[in-house]
Amino acid sequence: MSHPRRALISGGSIGGLAAAVNLQAAGWQPTVFERAAAPLAGRGAGIVLHPATVELLSQQSGLDLSAISVSTPSVRYIDAGGRVAHERSACFWFSSYDAVYRGLRAQLDPAVCRFGATVEEVEQNDSGVTVTLEDGERVGGELLVCAEGIRSSTRRRLLPQLQPRYAGYVAWRGTIDSRALEASQATLLHGAISYHVLAHGHLLIYPIPNLDEGSTQDAELLNWLWYVNVAQGQQLDELMTDAQGVRREISLPSGQVAQRSIDRLCEVAQNELPEVLATIIARTPAPFIQAVFDLESPRMRLGRVCLIGDAAFAARPHAAAGSAKAAEDATQLGRALRAHDDLDTALAAWEGPQLELGRSLLLRTREVGERSQFTGGWSIGAHLPFGLYRDGDSIMARPLWSHAAARSPV
């Protein structure tokens, strides 16, 4: 009996775990190297579910998808006076980073994930690939999947000329228990994904499941994002300098944002937003920041190394498809490896469609970002651009699990 082919995966967030699940299903033996010392939690807060993500999660036997998600039947626009200016029917499903992460880890043997393991060097030849970890350990396999995100050190070594490009704005993010709001405010936002459009920016709010032990249906969590233009240079440097005085490149996690920046955010919210939205921001414990970047890789396959998710294409968040893109890259990689015994043939068949998907998603989200942040082209009542392959393909009518076996369009 032959042994399973070994795949090495650098990065243990959603993209890396998605790769491990799909490669395992394809008969490979995956090992995930994650630099964090312990399982990840709380990163990114809310996630808009897409059929690609649902398909991946549904592989966990006995998982009740409805228990880790919540739906909204409509899109609601809030005007400057805090009133509903427009509402349309559209069913989106929302989950959280923690729920998706736990659902993927549950499909893997605990030994698959190695924490506190950072890939420092990569060597490859015609017969395999070898990684050297931070402690000097060398591990070999037939394939390396790079799921290290936008700051991928492996990509920077293999494609040193490729750098993320700052888009000119950041996303302030946070999560708040709806019970922290006045009853009328919570009612205004209940049962919908809500948008507020400004001259140069926009804010959105949607519910996510509360998975804390002992939580009740009354304890709805609201996840919000406010896209704010920040000039590159001193203004951005000051904002991205954390509470300890360290300049962060991409994001400032919850609890690390300088209090002066939070105070300024609340002041601007009080002056520019309707009362209900300003209240949400003022009462949110420990908001965090993600700077918005574009990244477009000319290649996703470099010999025996594959780039997936944000390591290859970092699209602006407006399509709500970051997790779905990582899941789809991993799913299609698994399918290609099942369809072709020869690794070169499999990777060639996989790369072309995923490059096309990445470029298309990047172009769509760039257009939305420019229109909403700089040209004032986002109007009240506009359809949401949520979607992986096209606008609107994240809309999922009930029941949610009917999408579990559906293959995403190509």
Protein backbone atom coordinates (compact mmCIF):
# COMPACT_ATOMS: atom_id res chain seq x y z
CA MET A 1 0.00 0.00 0.00
CA SER A 2 1.46 3.34 -1.04
CA HIS A 3 1.80 6.17 1.45
CA PRO A 4 -0.16 9.42 0.97
CA ARG A 5 1.70 12.18 -0.83
CA ARG A 6 2.82 14.88 1.59
CA ALA A 7 1.78 18.52 1.30
CA LEU A 8 3.27 21.31 3.40
CA ILE A 9 1.09 24.33 4.15
CA SER A 10 2.53 27.58 5.46
CA GLY A 11 -0.12 29.60 7.29
CA GLY A 12 -2.82 28.24 9.56
CA SER A 13 -5.63 30.73 9.19
CA ILE A 14 -8.77 30.03 7.12
CA GLY A 15 -6.92 29.67 3.81
CA GLY A 16 -4.36 27.25 5.22
CA LEU A 17 -6.97 25.13 6.95
CA ALA A 18 -9.10 25.12 3.80
CA ALA A 19 -6.11 23.81 1.87
CA ALA A 20 -5.50 21.11 4.48
CA VAL A 21 -9.14 19.96 4.38
CA ASN A 22 -9.19 19.77 0.58
CA LEU A 23 -5.79 18.12 0.21
CA GLN A 24 -6.74 15.59 2.86
CA ALA A 25 -9.91 14.82 0.89
CA ALA A 26 -7.75 14.37 -2.23
CA GLY A 27 -5.70 11.67 -0.49
CA TRP A 28 -2.72 13.79 0.49
CA GLN A 29 -1.16 14.06 3.93
CA PRO A 30 -1.14 17.76 4.92
CA THR A 31 0.96 19.45 7.57
CA VAL A 32 0.11 23.04 8.50
CA PHE A 33 2.80 25.34 9.90
CA GLU A 34 1.37 28.30 11.82
CA ARG A 35 3.69 30.85 13.37
CA ALA A 36 1.26 31.73 16.20
CA ALA A 37 1.90 29.73 19.33
CA ALA A 38 -1.75 28.76 19.85
CA PRO A 39 -4.94 28.33 17.77
CA LEU A 40 -6.13 31.58 16.27
CA ALA A 41 -9.24 33.39 17.52
CA GLY A 42 -11.16 36.59 17.01
CA ARG A 43 -9.43 37.70 13.82
CA GLY A 44 -11.58 39.59 11.36
CA ALA A 45 -14.79 39.28 13.41
CA GLY A 46 -17.67 38.97 10.91
CA ILE A 47 -17.65 36.93 7.69
CA VAL A 48 -20.19 37.00 4.88
CA LEU A 49 -20.84 33.40 3.90
CA HIS A 50 -20.70 32.33 0.27
CA PRO A 51 -21.52 28.96 -1.38
CA ALA A 52 -17.77 28.22 -1.60
CA THR A 53 -17.38 28.64 2.16
CA VAL A 54 -20.56 26.71 2.90
CA GLU A 55 -19.37 23.82 0.72
CA LEU A 56 -16.11 23.68 2.64
CA LEU A 57 -17.75 23.77 6.06
CA SER A 58 -20.35 21.18 5.11
CA GLN A 59 -17.65 18.51 4.87
CA GLN A 60 -17.64 18.36 8.67
CA SER A 61 -19.91 15.53 9.63
CA GLY A 62 -22.77 16.58 11.88
CA LEU A 63 -22.08 20.32 11.63
CA ASP A 64 -25.27 22.35 11.91
CA LEU A 65 -24.53 25.32 9.66
CA SER A 66 -27.55 27.19 10.96
CA ALA A 67 -26.03 27.08 14.46
CA ILE A 68 -22.95 29.06 13.38
CA SER A 69 -24.64 31.56 11.07
CA VAL A 70 -27.39 34.12 10.95
CA SER A 71 -29.31 35.47 7.96
CA THR A 72 -30.79 38.81 7.03
CA PRO A 73 -33.67 38.98 4.54
CA SER A 74 -33.04 42.54 3.43
CA VAL A 75 -30.59 45.36 2.75
CA ARG A 76 -31.42 48.59 4.55
CA TYR A 77 -30.03 52.08 3.92
CA ILE A 78 -29.92 54.53 6.85
CA ASP A 79 -30.03 58.24 6.04
CA ALA A 80 -28.29 61.14 7.79
CA GLY A 81 -31.23 61.51 10.19
CA GLY A 82 -30.99 57.89 11.32
CA ARG A 83 -34.12 56.82 9.43
CA VAL A 84 -34.63 54.03 6.88
CA ALA A 85 -34.17 55.66 3.48
CA HIS A 86 -34.47 52.51 1.37
CA GLU A 87 -34.92 48.77 1.86
CA ARG A 88 -34.78 45.88 -0.59
CA SER A 89 -35.03 42.09 -0.29
CA ALA A 90 -31.76 40.14 -0.45
CA CYS A 91 -30.86 37.17 1.74
CA PHE A 92 -27.29 37.10 2.96
CA TRP A 93 -25.85 34.74 5.57
CA PHE A 94 -23.22 35.81 8.09
CA SER A 95 -20.87 33.95 10.38
CA SER A 96 -17.71 34.84 12.26
CA TYR A 97 -14.02 34.15 11.89
CA ASP A 98 -14.05 32.00 15.01
CA ALA A 99 -16.96 29.85 13.80
CA VAL A 100 -15.43 29.19 10.37
CA TYR A 101 -11.99 28.56 11.86
CA ARG A 102 -13.35 26.06 14.39
CA GLY A 103 -15.42 24.33 11.70
CA LEU A 104 -12.32 23.78 9.57
CA ARG A 105 -10.10 22.62 12.43
CA ALA A 106 -12.76 20.09 13.43
CA GLN A 107 -12.23 18.35 10.07
CA LEU A 108 -8.53 17.78 10.74
CA ASP A 109 -6.59 15.63 13.15
CA PRO A 110 -5.04 17.93 15.79
CA ALA A 111 -1.58 16.66 14.78
CA VAL A 112 -1.99 18.21 11.32
CA CYS A 113 -1.52 21.74 12.69
CA ARG A 114 1.84 22.68 14.15
CA PHE A 115 1.74 25.93 16.12
CA GLY A 116 4.74 28.11 16.84
CA ALA A 117 6.27 26.93 13.55
CA THR A 118 7.44 29.64 11.12
CA VAL A 119 8.67 28.78 7.63
CA GLU A 120 11.95 30.64 7.12
CA GLU A 121 13.38 29.13 3.94
CA VAL A 122 12.05 27.20 0.94
CA GLU A 123 14.07 24.95 -1.36
CA GLN A 124 12.67 22.95 -4.26
CA ASN A 125 13.77 20.71 -7.09
CA ASP A 126 12.17 18.30 -9.56
CA SER A 127 11.42 15.72 -6.87
CA GLY A 128 10.13 17.81 -3.97
CA VAL A 129 10.16 20.87 -1.77
CA THR A 130 11.81 21.39 1.62
CA VAL A 131 11.05 24.09 4.18
CA THR A 132 13.34 25.18 6.97
CA LEU A 133 11.57 26.31 10.11
CA GLU A 134 12.67 29.07 12.45
CA ASP A 135 14.26 26.57 14.84
CA GLY A 136 16.30 24.98 12.04
CA GLU A 137 14.12 21.91 11.52
CA ARG A 138 13.85 20.83 7.87
CA VAL A 139 10.66 19.21 6.58
CA GLY A 140 10.14 17.80 3.10
CA GLY A 141 7.14 17.14 0.91
CA GLU A 142 5.98 17.14 -2.69
CA LEU A 143 4.04 20.42 -2.59
CA LEU A 144 4.08 23.65 -0.57
CA VAL A 145 0.88 25.68 -0.31
CA CYS A 146 1.54 29.24 0.76
CA ALA A 147 -1.46 30.62 2.70
CA GLU A 148 0.41 33.28 4.65
CA GLY A 149 -1.83 36.22 3.73
CA ILE A 150 -0.96 39.57 2.20
CA ARG A 151 2.32 39.81 4.15
CA SER A 152 3.50 36.43 2.87
CA SER A 153 7.25 36.07 3.41
CA THR A 154 7.39 33.12 1.01
CA ARG A 155 5.87 35.19 -1.80
CA ARG A 156 8.28 38.02 -1.08
CA ARG A 157 11.21 35.64 -1.42
CA LEU A 158 9.93 34.12 -4.67
CA LEU A 159 8.46 37.31 -6.19
CA PRO A 160 10.45 40.12 -4.52
CA GLN A 161 9.25 42.73 -7.01
CA LEU A 162 5.59 42.22 -6.02
CA GLN A 163 4.41 44.58 -3.27
CA PRO A 164 0.94 45.46 -1.91
CA ARG A 165 -0.33 48.90 -2.99
CA TYR A 166 -2.15 51.06 -0.43
CA ALA A 167 -5.62 52.04 -1.67
CA GLY A 168 -5.89 55.34 0.22
CA TYR A 169 -8.27 54.30 3.00
CA VAL A 170 -8.68 52.03 5.99
CA ALA A 171 -11.50 49.97 7.44
CA TRP A 172 -12.28 50.62 11.06
CA ARG A 173 -14.00 47.51 12.43
CA GLY A 174 -15.69 46.37 15.61
CA THR A 175 -18.28 44.12 17.17
CA ILE A 176 -20.87 45.16 19.74
CA ASP A 177 -23.59 43.37 21.66
CA SER A 178 -26.93 44.77 20.52
CA ARG A 179 -27.99 44.98 24.18
CA ALA A 180 -25.48 47.82 24.61
CA LEU A 181 -27.77 49.97 22.42
CA GLU A 182 -31.07 51.62 23.15
CA ALA A 183 -34.03 49.38 22.28
CA SER A 184 -35.11 51.64 19.41
CA GLN A 185 -31.59 51.64 17.97
CA ALA A 186 -31.31 47.85 18.10
CA THR A 187 -34.73 47.54 16.45
CA LEU A 188 -33.69 49.87 13.61
CA LEU A 189 -30.79 47.57 12.71
CA HIS A 190 -32.38 44.20 13.42
CA GLY A 191 -33.02 41.77 10.58
CA ALA A 192 -30.97 43.48 7.88
CA ILE A 193 -27.54 44.41 6.66
CA SER A 194 -27.55 48.18 7.03
CA TYR A 195 -25.59 50.75 5.02
CA HIS A 196 -24.92 54.44 5.52
CA VAL A 197 -23.45 56.35 2.57
CA LEU A 198 -21.28 59.44 3.01
CA ALA A 199 -19.81 61.75 0.38
CA HIS A 200 -16.44 59.97 0.60
CA GLY A 201 -16.95 56.73 2.46
CA HIS A 202 -19.55 54.34 3.78
CA LEU A 203 -20.38 52.30 6.84
CA LEU A 204 -22.10 48.92 7.06
CA ILE A 205 -23.47 46.83 9.92
CA TYR A 206 -24.65 43.24 9.97
CA PRO A 207 -25.41 40.62 12.62
CA ILE A 208 -23.14 37.70 13.40
CA PRO A 209 -23.86 34.69 15.62
CA ASN A 210 -22.99 34.91 19.29
CA LEU A 211 -21.20 31.65 20.04
CA ASP A 212 -20.32 32.45 23.64
CA GLU A 213 -21.42 29.73 26.01
CA GLY A 214 -24.71 30.61 27.65
CA SER A 215 -25.63 33.29 25.13
CA THR A 216 -29.30 33.75 24.25
CA GLN A 217 -31.17 34.83 21.14
CA ASP A 218 -31.46 38.29 22.66
CA ALA A 219 -27.67 38.61 22.68
CA GLU A 220 -27.26 39.46 18.98
CA LEU A 221 -23.84 40.69 17.97
CA LEU A 222 -23.49 43.48 15.44
CA ASN A 223 -20.38 43.60 13.26
CA TRP A 224 -19.56 47.00 11.70
CA LEU A 225 -17.06 48.42 9.23
CA TRP A 226 -16.44 52.08 8.48
CA TYR A 227 -14.26 52.88 5.47
CA VAL A 228 -12.35 56.10 6.12
CA ASN A 229 -9.94 57.87 3.75
CA VAL A 230 -6.49 58.32 5.27
CA ALA A 231 -3.67 59.97 3.32
CA GLN A 232 -0.48 57.99 2.88
CA GLY A 233 2.42 59.41 4.80
CA GLN A 234 2.32 60.99 8.25
CA GLN A 235 -1.45 60.65 8.67
CA LEU A 236 -1.38 56.91 7.92
CA ASP A 237 1.80 56.36 9.92
CA GLU A 238 0.28 57.94 13.02
CA LEU A 239 -2.93 55.94 12.71
CA MET A 240 -1.11 52.63 12.19
CA THR A 241 1.22 53.15 15.15
CA ASP A 242 -0.05 50.91 17.94
CA ALA A 243 -0.48 51.54 21.65
CA GLN A 244 3.16 50.49 22.25
CA GLY A 245 4.52 52.88 19.63
CA VAL A 246 5.17 50.26 16.93
CA ARG A 247 4.20 51.08 13.32
CA ARG A 248 2.09 48.21 11.93
CA GLU A 249 2.08 47.52 8.20
CA ILE A 250 -1.36 46.06 7.46
CA SER A 251 -3.59 45.96 10.53
CA LEU A 252 -3.95 46.88 14.18
CA PRO A 253 -5.72 44.11 16.11
CA SER A 254 -8.30 44.64 18.80
CA GLY A 255 -6.69 46.03 21.94
CA GLN A 256 -3.66 47.42 20.08
CA VAL A 257 -5.12 50.63 18.63
CA ALA A 258 -3.80 53.78 20.33
CA GLN A 259 -6.44 55.44 22.51
CA ARG A 260 -5.87 58.79 20.79
CA SER A 261 -6.95 57.20 17.49
CA ILE A 262 -10.09 55.73 19.04
CA ASP A 263 -10.94 59.08 20.63
CA ARG A 264 -10.54 60.79 17.27
CA LEU A 265 -12.72 58.16 15.58
CA CYS A 266 -15.52 58.74 18.11
CA GLU A 267 -15.26 62.49 17.66
CA VAL A 268 -15.55 62.24 13.87
CA ALA A 269 -18.43 59.78 14.23
CA GLN A 270 -20.29 62.19 16.51
CA ASN A 271 -19.93 64.96 13.92
CA GLU A 272 -20.54 63.01 10.72
CA LEU A 273 -22.80 60.03 11.45
CA PRO A 274 -26.41 59.68 12.54
CA GLU A 275 -26.81 59.20 16.27
CA VAL A 276 -27.47 55.46 16.12
CA LEU A 277 -24.21 54.80 14.24
CA ALA A 278 -22.15 57.18 16.35
CA THR A 279 -23.48 55.39 19.45
CA ILE A 280 -22.41 52.01 18.08
CA ILE A 281 -18.87 53.22 17.51
CA ALA A 282 -18.62 55.01 20.85
CA ARG A 283 -19.80 51.92 22.75
CA THR A 284 -17.75 49.32 20.89
CA PRO A 285 -15.06 47.81 23.08
CA ALA A 286 -11.62 47.77 21.42
CA PRO A 287 -12.27 48.52 17.72
CA PHE A 288 -9.52 47.57 15.30
CA ILE A 289 -8.13 48.73 11.94
CA GLN A 290 -7.33 47.12 8.62
CA ALA A 291 -5.58 49.22 6.00
CA VAL A 292 -6.92 48.50 2.51
CA PHE A 293 -4.47 47.28 -0.13
CA ASP A 294 -4.43 45.88 -3.65
CA LEU A 295 -2.18 42.94 -4.49
CA GLU A 296 -2.12 41.16 -7.85
CA SER A 297 0.25 38.27 -8.45
CA PRO A 298 1.18 37.40 -12.04
CA ARG A 299 1.54 33.77 -10.99
CA MET A 300 0.02 31.47 -8.39
CA ARG A 301 2.24 28.51 -9.09
CA LEU A 302 6.02 28.77 -8.74
CA GLY A 303 7.40 25.30 -9.31
CA ARG A 304 6.08 23.19 -6.44
CA VAL A 305 4.86 26.22 -4.50
CA CYS A 306 1.24 27.43 -4.74
CA LEU A 307 0.01 30.83 -3.58
CA ILE A 308 -3.62 30.91 -2.39
CA GLY A 309 -5.95 33.51 -0.90
CA ASP A 310 -4.45 36.88 0.00
CA ALA A 311 -0.92 35.60 -0.59
CA ALA A 312 -1.71 35.81 -4.31
CA PHE A 313 -4.53 38.36 -4.65
CA ALA A 314 -5.57 40.79 -1.95
CA ALA A 315 -8.81 42.35 -3.15
CA ARG A 316 -10.50 45.21 -1.35
CA PRO A 317 -13.14 43.96 1.11
CA HIS A 318 -16.18 45.40 -0.71
CA ALA A 319 -17.17 42.09 -2.34
CA ALA A 320 -17.08 40.37 1.07
CA ALA A 321 -15.28 37.50 -0.66
CA GLY A 322 -11.87 37.25 1.02
CA SER A 323 -12.63 34.03 2.90
CA ALA A 324 -14.60 32.67 -0.05
CA LYS A 325 -11.66 33.31 -2.40
CA ALA A 326 -9.27 31.42 -0.12
CA ALA A 327 -11.79 28.57 0.18
CA GLU A 328 -12.30 28.44 -3.58
CA ASP A 329 -8.55 28.43 -4.32
CA ALA A 330 -8.16 25.51 -1.92
CA THR A 331 -11.21 23.63 -3.21
CA GLN A 332 -10.14 23.91 -6.83
CA LEU A 333 -6.59 22.82 -5.90
CA GLY A 334 -8.00 19.69 -4.27
CA ARG A 335 -10.13 18.96 -7.34
CA ALA A 336 -7.16 19.38 -9.68
CA LEU A 337 -5.03 17.02 -7.61
CA ARG A 338 -7.79 14.41 -7.64
CA ALA A 339 -8.25 14.76 -11.39
CA HIS A 340 -4.56 14.50 -12.35
CA ASP A 341 -1.97 12.12 -10.94
CA ASP A 342 0.87 14.16 -12.41
CA LEU A 343 1.55 17.15 -10.16
CA ASP A 344 2.70 19.49 -12.94
CA THR A 345 -0.44 18.78 -14.95
CA ALA A 346 -2.64 19.31 -11.90
CA LEU A 347 -1.04 22.62 -10.96
CA ALA A 348 -1.19 23.91 -14.53
CA ALA A 349 -4.90 23.04 -14.73
CA TRP A 350 -5.51 24.77 -11.39
CA GLU A 351 -3.55 27.98 -11.91
CA GLY A 352 -5.24 29.45 -14.99
CA PRO A 353 -8.82 29.64 -13.68
CA GLN A 354 -7.69 30.88 -10.26
CA LEU A 355 -5.62 33.66 -11.83
CA GLU A 356 -8.67 34.69 -13.84
CA LEU A 357 -10.83 34.69 -10.70
CA GLY A 358 -8.30 36.74 -8.73
CA ARG A 359 -7.95 39.37 -11.44
CA SER A 360 -11.70 39.67 -11.89
CA LEU A 361 -12.33 40.03 -8.16
CA LEU A 362 -9.56 42.61 -7.81
CA LEU A 363 -10.93 44.73 -10.65
CA ARG A 364 -14.49 44.64 -9.31
CA THR A 365 -13.52 45.59 -5.78
CA ARG A 366 -11.15 48.32 -6.95
CA GLU A 367 -13.96 49.90 -8.97
CA VAL A 368 -16.32 49.79 -5.97
CA GLY A 369 -13.69 51.27 -3.68
CA GLU A 370 -12.87 54.16 -6.00
CA ARG A 371 -16.55 54.90 -6.52
CA SER A 372 -17.52 54.75 -2.86
CA GLN A 373 -14.48 56.48 -1.33
CA PHE A 374 -13.39 59.08 -3.85
CA THR A 375 -15.85 59.85 -6.64
CA GLY A 376 -19.08 59.76 -4.62
CA GLY A 377 -20.66 57.24 -6.97
CA TRP A 378 -22.37 55.01 -4.39
CA SER A 379 -26.03 55.97 -4.10
CA ILE A 380 -28.67 55.05 -1.56
CA GLY A 381 -30.48 51.93 -2.71
CA ALA A 382 -27.61 50.57 -4.82
CA HIS A 383 -27.29 46.79 -5.04
CA LEU A 384 -24.51 45.36 -2.87
CA PRO A 385 -21.41 44.13 -4.72
CA PHE A 386 -21.09 41.03 -2.52
CA GLY A 387 -19.95 38.09 -4.60
CA LEU A 388 -16.98 35.93 -5.50
CA TYR A 389 -17.40 35.42 -9.24
CA ARG A 390 -19.89 38.21 -9.84
CA ASP A 391 -21.97 40.75 -7.94
CA GLY A 392 -24.81 39.04 -6.12
CA ASP A 393 -23.59 35.45 -6.10
CA SER A 394 -23.32 35.58 -2.30
CA ILE A 395 -27.11 35.87 -2.04
CA MET A 396 -28.36 32.55 -0.68
CA ALA A 397 -32.04 31.89 -0.15
CA ARG A 398 -33.13 29.40 2.48
CA PRO A 399 -32.26 26.70 3.25
CA LEU A 400 -28.58 27.46 3.71
CA TRP A 401 -27.48 23.83 3.49
CA SER A 402 -28.97 23.45 0.00
CA HIS A 403 -25.83 25.22 -1.24
CA ALA A 404 -23.46 22.78 0.42
CA ALA A 405 -23.06 20.53 -2.62
CA ALA A 406 -23.25 23.29 -5.22
CA ARG A 407 -20.09 23.92 -7.20
CA SER A 408 -19.18 27.56 -7.61
CA PRO A 409 -19.48 28.80 -11.21
CA VAL A 410 -16.44 29.03 -13.43
